[in-house]
Amino acid sequence: MTTKTAKAAVMTKTQGVLEIREYPLPKVEKGAILVKITCCTICGSDILAWSGRKKAPVPMILGHEIVGRIVEMGEGVAFDSGNRKLKPGDRITWTIMDNCGKCYYCREKGLMMKCLHLKKYGHDCSDEYPHFTGGFAEYCYISPGTCVIKVPDELTDEEAAPANCALATVTAGWEAAALQPFENVLIQGAGALGFYAAALASHYGCRRVIVTDIVDERLDAIKAFGATDTINVRGMKDEDLVKAVQGLTDGFGVDAAMDVAIAPAIIPAGLKCLRMGGRYIEHGNTFPGANVTFDFSEVVFRCLTIRGVHNYDTRHLQRAVEFLAQTKGSFPFHKLVPERFPLERINEAVELARSGKAIRVAVVP
């Protein structure tokens, strides 16, 4: 390779301007892959880290919803996780984490995202080797414990990138809820995860896909992604939301609900919207201090199930990519990423993502 260094946008402090820096490209070791990044979308968790609401070991390269092309493969790399042959030039995405596959959580409990030796893209200090472990950069170094997925040709970079986090996460969430055809669901939040959760629920054959948010524009847009009913909950009392949801579900409430908002105060209302024996999936509150008050006698007497789902397993990312390819004609996924910014304009991209005016913003090195 002729390129010895490459650029990255580095966060040096919370709520600070991201700086363009150069780092030496790492040697590609056995089992590793060096990727030229072609697209990275900005996730809500990137904004939480930038704002200081989540712990961030600065300096660091944010970004984990990444697509790129293989530049170099280390010894032993031949296939992706679906046993598809890999070669330089192939376009891939990969799991948000590198896990060891051998520890207690990986081997015994099937929780690769809680590996005792976990590394996460967009979450590590960039001063540490191999430096390029985040998506706001020209390259990314994929370490051996990462599972990679070849991206189908029919998907654009912008369509595929959010599968790495947003879509794979809600895929894991609906699996945890054991979602069934003809069930009724409630999705709290019309951000990226909410759009994908609605599309999946519709694809799975749910009868009512009810979405709540406080932004009318997002509630209007999510109807094209399978939402059958939308409710603007700004200023709405919990009991009024419960009545509205029960009115849409023959008086019973929903079979399953999913929280994908960054607002712990909405959780009690979501639990109250469940029918007897309903299931609640919590995705949204991935920061300390997300405290709520709820009478847990309702959990007992109403036989409720509450599941926290953080990140996902490899199979969920594989399903996410396949879902995008199979339903591209059914849902306008391309509309979820309306803006593209070069790496040099990363701070403009972050500001737009913070504003909430776009579902996802793409950084294109």
Protein backbone atom coordinates (compact mmCIF):
# COMPACT_ATOMS: atom_id res chain seq x y z
CA MET A 1 0.00 0.00 0.00
CA THR A 2 1.24 3.52 -0.79
CA THR A 3 -0.88 5.33 1.81
CA LYS A 4 0.88 5.34 5.19
CA THR A 5 -1.43 7.66 7.08
CA ALA A 6 -5.10 8.55 6.85
CA LYS A 7 -7.51 11.11 8.23
CA ALA A 8 -10.08 10.84 10.99
CA ALA A 9 -12.45 13.27 12.72
CA VAL A 10 -11.51 13.07 16.40
CA MET A 11 -13.52 14.08 19.45
CA THR A 12 -11.05 15.52 21.96
CA LYS A 13 -13.64 16.62 24.53
CA THR A 14 -17.37 16.36 25.04
CA GLN A 15 -19.43 19.01 23.25
CA GLY A 16 -16.30 20.14 21.45
CA VAL A 17 -15.41 20.64 17.81
CA LEU A 18 -14.26 17.42 16.15
CA GLU A 19 -10.72 17.81 14.81
CA ILE A 20 -9.32 16.29 11.63
CA ARG A 21 -6.20 14.33 12.56
CA GLU A 22 -3.96 11.81 10.84
CA TYR A 23 -2.92 8.44 12.20
CA PRO A 24 -0.63 5.77 10.76
CA LEU A 25 -2.49 2.94 9.08
CA PRO A 26 -2.05 -0.31 11.03
CA LYS A 27 -0.47 -3.48 9.74
CA VAL A 28 -3.20 -5.96 8.81
CA GLU A 29 -2.67 -8.94 11.08
CA LYS A 30 -4.03 -12.48 10.93
CA GLY A 31 -7.84 -12.54 10.91
CA ALA A 32 -8.16 -8.77 10.48
CA ILE A 33 -9.44 -6.61 7.61
CA LEU A 34 -8.59 -3.06 6.58
CA VAL A 35 -11.57 -1.24 5.07
CA LYS A 36 -11.85 2.00 3.13
CA ILE A 37 -14.96 3.60 4.60
CA THR A 38 -17.53 4.69 2.03
CA CYS A 39 -20.31 5.75 4.42
CA CYS A 40 -20.99 6.12 8.14
CA THR A 41 -24.35 7.30 9.45
CA ILE A 42 -24.59 9.19 12.73
CA CYS A 43 -26.41 7.25 15.43
CA GLY A 44 -28.20 8.75 18.41
CA SER A 45 -25.66 7.09 20.69
CA ASP A 46 -22.90 9.06 18.91
CA ILE A 47 -24.71 12.23 19.94
CA LEU A 48 -25.10 10.96 23.51
CA ALA A 49 -21.34 10.36 23.68
CA TRP A 50 -20.55 13.74 22.12
CA SER A 51 -22.86 15.50 24.59
CA GLY A 52 -21.33 13.75 27.59
CA ARG A 53 -24.43 11.79 28.56
CA LYS A 54 -22.52 8.58 27.82
CA LYS A 55 -18.95 7.84 28.88
CA ALA A 56 -16.48 8.55 26.08
CA PRO A 57 -12.71 7.86 26.36
CA VAL A 58 -11.31 10.87 24.52
CA PRO A 59 -9.68 11.33 22.14
CA MET A 60 -11.87 9.02 20.11
CA ILE A 61 -13.29 8.46 16.64
CA LEU A 62 -17.05 8.22 16.89
CA GLY A 63 -19.25 6.30 14.44
CA HIS A 64 -20.28 2.66 14.20
CA GLU A 65 -22.96 2.46 11.48
CA ILE A 66 -20.36 1.83 8.81
CA VAL A 67 -20.10 0.48 5.27
CA GLY A 68 -16.82 0.17 3.41
CA ARG A 69 -14.80 -1.70 0.82
CA ILE A 70 -12.10 -4.21 1.69
CA VAL A 71 -8.60 -2.91 1.04
CA GLU A 72 -6.58 -5.71 2.58
CA MET A 73 -7.40 -9.00 4.30
CA GLY A 74 -5.23 -10.67 6.90
CA GLU A 75 -4.24 -14.31 6.80
CA GLY A 76 -7.17 -16.66 7.33
CA VAL A 77 -9.90 -14.28 6.15
CA ALA A 78 -11.84 -15.87 3.31
CA PHE A 79 -15.59 -15.72 4.01
CA ASP A 80 -18.13 -13.47 5.69
CA SER A 81 -20.42 -14.68 8.48
CA GLY A 82 -22.87 -16.05 5.91
CA ASN A 83 -20.12 -18.11 4.23
CA ARG A 84 -19.93 -15.79 1.22
CA LYS A 85 -16.50 -15.53 -0.38
CA LEU A 86 -14.67 -12.28 0.34
CA LYS A 87 -12.06 -10.45 -1.72
CA PRO A 88 -10.50 -6.99 -1.84
CA GLY A 89 -12.97 -4.48 -3.24
CA ASP A 90 -16.02 -6.17 -1.72
CA ARG A 91 -18.42 -3.92 0.16
CA ILE A 92 -19.11 -5.00 3.73
CA THR A 93 -20.62 -3.97 7.01
CA TRP A 94 -19.85 -5.56 10.38
CA THR A 95 -21.05 -6.03 13.93
CA ILE A 96 -20.79 -3.09 16.26
CA MET A 97 -18.54 -5.15 18.51
CA ASP A 98 -15.51 -7.42 18.52
CA ASN A 99 -15.99 -10.25 21.01
CA CYS A 100 -13.66 -13.06 22.05
CA GLY A 101 -16.09 -15.97 21.57
CA LYS A 102 -14.53 -17.82 24.51
CA CYS A 103 -15.48 -16.06 27.74
CA TYR A 104 -18.38 -16.81 30.10
CA TYR A 105 -20.86 -14.51 28.35
CA CYS A 106 -19.83 -15.42 24.80
CA ARG A 107 -19.62 -19.17 25.28
CA GLU A 108 -22.03 -19.99 28.10
CA LYS A 109 -24.74 -17.33 27.94
CA GLY A 110 -24.97 -16.33 24.27
CA LEU A 111 -24.41 -12.66 25.08
CA MET A 112 -21.61 -11.71 22.71
CA MET A 113 -22.44 -8.03 23.22
CA LYS A 114 -21.47 -8.45 26.89
CA CYS A 115 -18.16 -10.18 26.22
CA LEU A 116 -15.66 -9.79 29.06
CA HIS A 117 -13.09 -8.63 26.48
CA LEU A 118 -15.47 -6.54 24.40
CA LYS A 119 -14.31 -3.87 21.97
CA LYS A 120 -16.83 -1.60 20.26
CA TYR A 121 -16.39 0.43 17.11
CA GLY A 122 -16.74 4.14 17.72
CA HIS A 123 -16.21 3.66 21.45
CA ASP A 124 -12.43 3.35 21.99
CA CYS A 125 -9.61 5.85 22.45
CA SER A 126 -8.11 6.69 19.06
CA ASP A 127 -4.63 7.25 20.49
CA GLU A 128 -4.42 3.52 21.11
CA TYR A 129 -3.40 1.09 18.35
CA PRO A 130 -4.85 0.38 15.80
CA HIS A 131 -6.30 3.92 15.96
CA PHE A 132 -8.91 3.46 13.21
CA THR A 133 -11.78 1.93 15.19
CA GLY A 134 -14.54 4.44 14.39
CA GLY A 135 -16.56 5.44 11.36
CA PHE A 136 -15.77 9.15 11.17
CA ALA A 137 -12.56 8.37 9.30
CA GLU A 138 -11.17 7.32 5.95
CA TYR A 139 -10.38 3.77 7.08
CA CYS A 140 -11.48 1.28 9.70
CA TYR A 141 -9.51 -1.65 11.07
CA ILE A 142 -11.72 -4.68 11.63
CA SER A 143 -10.22 -6.89 14.31
CA PRO A 144 -10.46 -10.71 14.25
CA GLY A 145 -13.37 -11.09 16.69
CA THR A 146 -15.71 -9.08 14.47
CA CYS A 147 -18.35 -10.69 12.26
CA VAL A 148 -18.61 -9.16 8.78
CA ILE A 149 -21.51 -9.21 6.33
CA LYS A 150 -21.19 -8.73 2.58
CA VAL A 151 -23.57 -5.97 1.42
CA PRO A 152 -25.89 -6.87 -1.49
CA ASP A 153 -25.32 -4.87 -4.66
CA GLU A 154 -28.92 -3.63 -4.72
CA LEU A 155 -28.44 -1.61 -1.51
CA THR A 156 -26.84 1.81 -1.51
CA ASP A 157 -24.31 2.71 1.17
CA GLU A 158 -26.84 5.00 2.86
CA GLU A 159 -29.47 2.25 2.92
CA ALA A 160 -27.10 -0.35 4.32
CA ALA A 161 -25.16 1.64 6.93
CA PRO A 162 -27.89 1.98 9.61
CA ALA A 163 -28.37 -1.80 9.57
CA ASN A 164 -25.16 -2.00 11.61
CA CYS A 165 -26.91 -0.55 14.66
CA ALA A 166 -30.46 0.78 14.36
CA LEU A 167 -32.03 -2.00 12.31
CA ALA A 168 -30.05 -4.88 13.83
CA THR A 169 -30.94 -3.65 17.33
CA VAL A 170 -34.71 -3.60 16.77
CA THR A 171 -34.44 -6.93 14.97
CA ALA A 172 -33.02 -8.30 18.22
CA GLY A 173 -35.75 -6.50 20.14
CA TRP A 174 -38.67 -7.99 18.23
CA GLU A 175 -37.03 -11.42 18.52
CA ALA A 176 -36.83 -10.94 22.30
CA ALA A 177 -40.52 -10.04 22.27
CA ALA A 178 -41.31 -13.24 20.33
CA LEU A 179 -43.44 -11.13 18.01
CA GLN A 180 -46.15 -13.03 16.16
CA PRO A 181 -48.29 -12.33 13.06
CA PHE A 182 -51.58 -10.49 13.70
CA GLU A 183 -50.39 -9.07 17.01
CA ASN A 184 -50.78 -5.41 17.92
CA VAL A 185 -47.70 -3.39 18.83
CA LEU A 186 -46.80 0.01 20.20
CA ILE A 187 -43.55 1.75 19.25
CA GLN A 188 -42.59 4.71 21.44
CA GLY A 189 -40.40 7.01 19.37
CA ALA A 190 -40.22 7.85 15.66
CA GLY A 191 -36.47 8.09 15.31
CA ALA A 192 -34.43 5.73 13.17
CA LEU A 193 -35.06 2.72 15.42
CA GLY A 194 -38.77 3.49 15.40
CA PHE A 195 -38.92 3.61 11.60
CA TYR A 196 -37.15 0.26 11.30
CA ALA A 197 -39.22 -1.27 14.11
CA ALA A 198 -42.42 -0.25 12.32
CA ALA A 199 -41.23 -1.67 9.00
CA LEU A 200 -40.27 -4.97 10.65
CA ALA A 201 -43.56 -5.24 12.53
CA SER A 202 -45.48 -4.58 9.32
CA HIS A 203 -43.36 -7.13 7.46
CA TYR A 204 -43.97 -9.70 10.20
CA GLY A 205 -47.71 -9.31 9.70
CA CYS A 206 -48.74 -7.32 12.75
CA ARG A 207 -52.32 -6.04 12.70
CA ARG A 208 -51.89 -2.66 14.39
CA VAL A 209 -48.53 -0.88 14.38
CA ILE A 210 -49.07 2.14 16.63
CA VAL A 211 -46.30 4.77 16.85
CA THR A 212 -46.04 7.65 19.30
CA ASP A 213 -43.81 10.72 19.12
CA ILE A 214 -43.99 14.49 19.63
CA VAL A 215 -43.04 15.53 16.08
CA ASP A 216 -45.86 15.49 13.53
CA GLU A 217 -43.50 15.39 10.54
CA ARG A 218 -41.95 12.15 11.75
CA LEU A 219 -45.32 10.63 12.55
CA ASP A 220 -46.52 11.46 9.03
CA ALA A 221 -43.37 10.00 7.46
CA ILE A 222 -43.45 6.75 9.42
CA LYS A 223 -46.76 5.77 7.85
CA ALA A 224 -44.81 4.84 4.71
CA PHE A 225 -42.85 2.39 6.87
CA GLY A 226 -45.79 0.35 8.07
CA ALA A 227 -47.31 2.38 10.89
CA THR A 228 -51.08 1.90 10.85
CA ASP A 229 -51.77 4.48 13.55
CA THR A 230 -49.80 7.44 14.92
CA ILE A 231 -50.34 9.49 18.07
CA ASN A 232 -48.67 12.78 18.97
CA VAL A 233 -48.20 12.50 22.74
CA ARG A 234 -46.98 16.04 23.40
CA GLY A 235 -48.85 17.18 26.51
CA MET A 236 -50.92 13.97 26.59
CA LYS A 237 -51.66 12.34 29.94
CA ASP A 238 -50.74 8.68 30.36
CA GLU A 239 -54.35 7.64 30.91
CA ASP A 240 -55.41 9.33 27.68
CA LEU A 241 -52.75 7.46 25.72
CA VAL A 242 -53.85 4.18 27.31
CA LYS A 243 -57.46 4.86 26.29
CA ALA A 244 -56.40 5.69 22.75
CA VAL A 245 -54.33 2.50 22.42
CA GLN A 246 -57.07 0.37 23.94
CA GLY A 247 -59.53 1.93 21.52
CA LEU A 248 -57.37 0.68 18.64
CA THR A 249 -57.02 -2.83 20.08
CA ASP A 250 -60.58 -3.92 20.95
CA GLY A 251 -60.18 -2.62 24.49
CA PHE A 252 -57.29 -4.92 25.43
CA GLY A 253 -54.07 -3.01 24.81
CA VAL A 254 -51.10 -4.07 22.70
CA ASP A 255 -49.43 -7.46 22.78
CA ALA A 256 -45.95 -5.92 22.73
CA ALA A 257 -44.44 -2.47 23.09
CA MET A 258 -40.98 -1.16 22.30
CA ASP A 259 -39.35 1.98 23.67
CA VAL A 260 -36.83 3.48 21.24
CA ALA A 261 -36.87 7.05 22.55
CA ILE A 262 -34.35 8.76 24.81
CA ALA A 263 -36.97 9.70 27.41
CA PRO A 264 -37.36 7.47 30.48
CA ALA A 265 -40.52 9.32 31.54
CA ILE A 266 -42.51 7.60 28.78
CA ILE A 267 -41.84 4.07 30.04
CA PRO A 268 -44.75 3.89 32.55
CA ALA A 269 -47.24 4.88 29.85
CA GLY A 270 -45.86 2.18 27.56
CA LEU A 271 -46.24 -0.46 30.26
CA LYS A 272 -49.81 0.63 30.93
CA CYS A 273 -50.64 0.26 27.23
CA LEU A 274 -49.89 -3.48 27.34
CA ARG A 275 -52.63 -6.06 27.51
CA MET A 276 -52.59 -8.70 30.26
CA GLY A 277 -49.49 -10.81 29.63
CA GLY A 278 -47.96 -8.20 27.34
CA ARG A 279 -44.23 -7.83 26.63
CA TYR A 280 -42.18 -4.63 26.89
CA ILE A 281 -38.85 -4.15 25.13
CA GLU A 282 -36.58 -1.38 26.39
CA HIS A 283 -33.98 -0.05 23.93
CA GLY A 284 -34.00 3.68 24.36
CA ASN A 285 -32.31 4.58 27.62
CA THR A 286 -28.63 3.78 27.19
CA PHE A 287 -27.26 6.39 29.58
CA PRO A 288 -26.94 6.63 33.39
CA GLY A 289 -29.71 8.25 35.40
CA ALA A 290 -32.61 6.99 33.31
CA ASN A 291 -34.80 6.60 36.39
CA VAL A 292 -38.56 5.97 36.39
CA THR A 293 -41.21 5.35 39.01
CA PHE A 294 -43.71 2.56 38.40
CA ASP A 295 -45.98 0.48 40.62
CA PHE A 296 -44.54 -2.99 40.11
CA SER A 297 -47.63 -4.65 41.48
CA GLU A 298 -48.97 -4.07 37.95
CA VAL A 299 -46.14 -6.19 36.56
CA VAL A 300 -47.18 -9.01 38.88
CA PHE A 301 -50.97 -8.80 38.63
CA ARG A 302 -50.97 -8.17 34.87
CA CYS A 303 -48.30 -10.83 34.17
CA LEU A 304 -46.09 -8.43 32.22
CA THR A 305 -42.65 -9.20 30.81
CA ILE A 306 -39.99 -6.48 30.62
CA ARG A 307 -36.83 -7.11 28.58
CA GLY A 308 -33.86 -4.84 28.17
CA VAL A 309 -32.14 -5.39 24.81
CA HIS A 310 -28.76 -3.78 24.23
CA ASN A 311 -27.14 -4.15 20.80
CA TYR A 312 -27.48 -7.50 19.03
CA ASP A 313 -25.93 -10.79 17.87
CA THR A 314 -24.49 -11.53 14.44
CA ARG A 315 -27.67 -13.21 13.24
CA HIS A 316 -29.60 -9.98 13.81
CA LEU A 317 -27.26 -8.00 11.57
CA GLN A 318 -27.49 -10.70 8.90
CA ARG A 319 -31.29 -10.59 9.07
CA ALA A 320 -31.23 -6.80 8.98
CA VAL A 321 -29.23 -6.68 5.77
CA GLU A 322 -31.39 -9.37 4.16
CA PHE A 323 -34.55 -7.55 5.25
CA LEU A 324 -33.37 -4.34 3.57
CA ALA A 325 -32.59 -6.15 0.34
CA GLN A 326 -35.87 -8.10 0.28
CA THR A 327 -38.19 -5.19 1.12
CA LYS A 328 -36.45 -2.35 -0.70
CA GLY A 329 -39.47 -1.98 -2.97
CA SER A 330 -41.90 -1.94 -0.04
CA PHE A 331 -40.38 0.74 2.19
CA PRO A 332 -38.56 3.96 1.15
CA PHE A 333 -35.39 3.30 3.15
CA HIS A 334 -33.45 5.79 1.03
CA LYS A 335 -35.47 8.64 2.55
CA LEU A 336 -34.10 7.94 6.04
CA VAL A 337 -30.68 9.38 5.12
CA PRO A 338 -31.39 12.61 3.22
CA GLU A 339 -28.07 14.41 3.84
CA ARG A 340 -24.43 13.51 3.03
CA PHE A 341 -21.37 15.35 4.35
CA PRO A 342 -17.68 14.91 3.54
CA LEU A 343 -15.36 14.21 6.46
CA GLU A 344 -14.11 17.82 6.41
CA ARG A 345 -17.66 18.98 7.24
CA ILE A 346 -18.15 16.54 10.10
CA ASN A 347 -19.16 19.23 12.59
CA GLU A 348 -21.99 20.38 10.31
CA ALA A 349 -23.11 16.77 10.07
CA VAL A 350 -23.09 16.37 13.86
CA GLU A 351 -25.05 19.58 14.31
CA LEU A 352 -27.72 18.43 11.85
CA ALA A 353 -27.94 15.06 13.59
CA ARG A 354 -28.30 16.82 16.94
CA SER A 355 -31.12 18.99 15.60
CA GLY A 356 -33.34 16.00 14.88
CA LYS A 357 -34.26 17.41 11.48
CA ALA A 358 -33.03 14.25 9.72
CA ILE A 359 -33.60 10.64 10.73
CA ARG A 360 -30.00 9.80 9.86
CA VAL A 361 -27.10 11.88 8.52
CA ALA A 362 -24.37 10.30 6.42
CA VAL A 363 -20.66 11.05 6.63
CA VAL A 364 -18.92 10.15 3.38
CA PRO A 365 -15.10 10.25 3.67
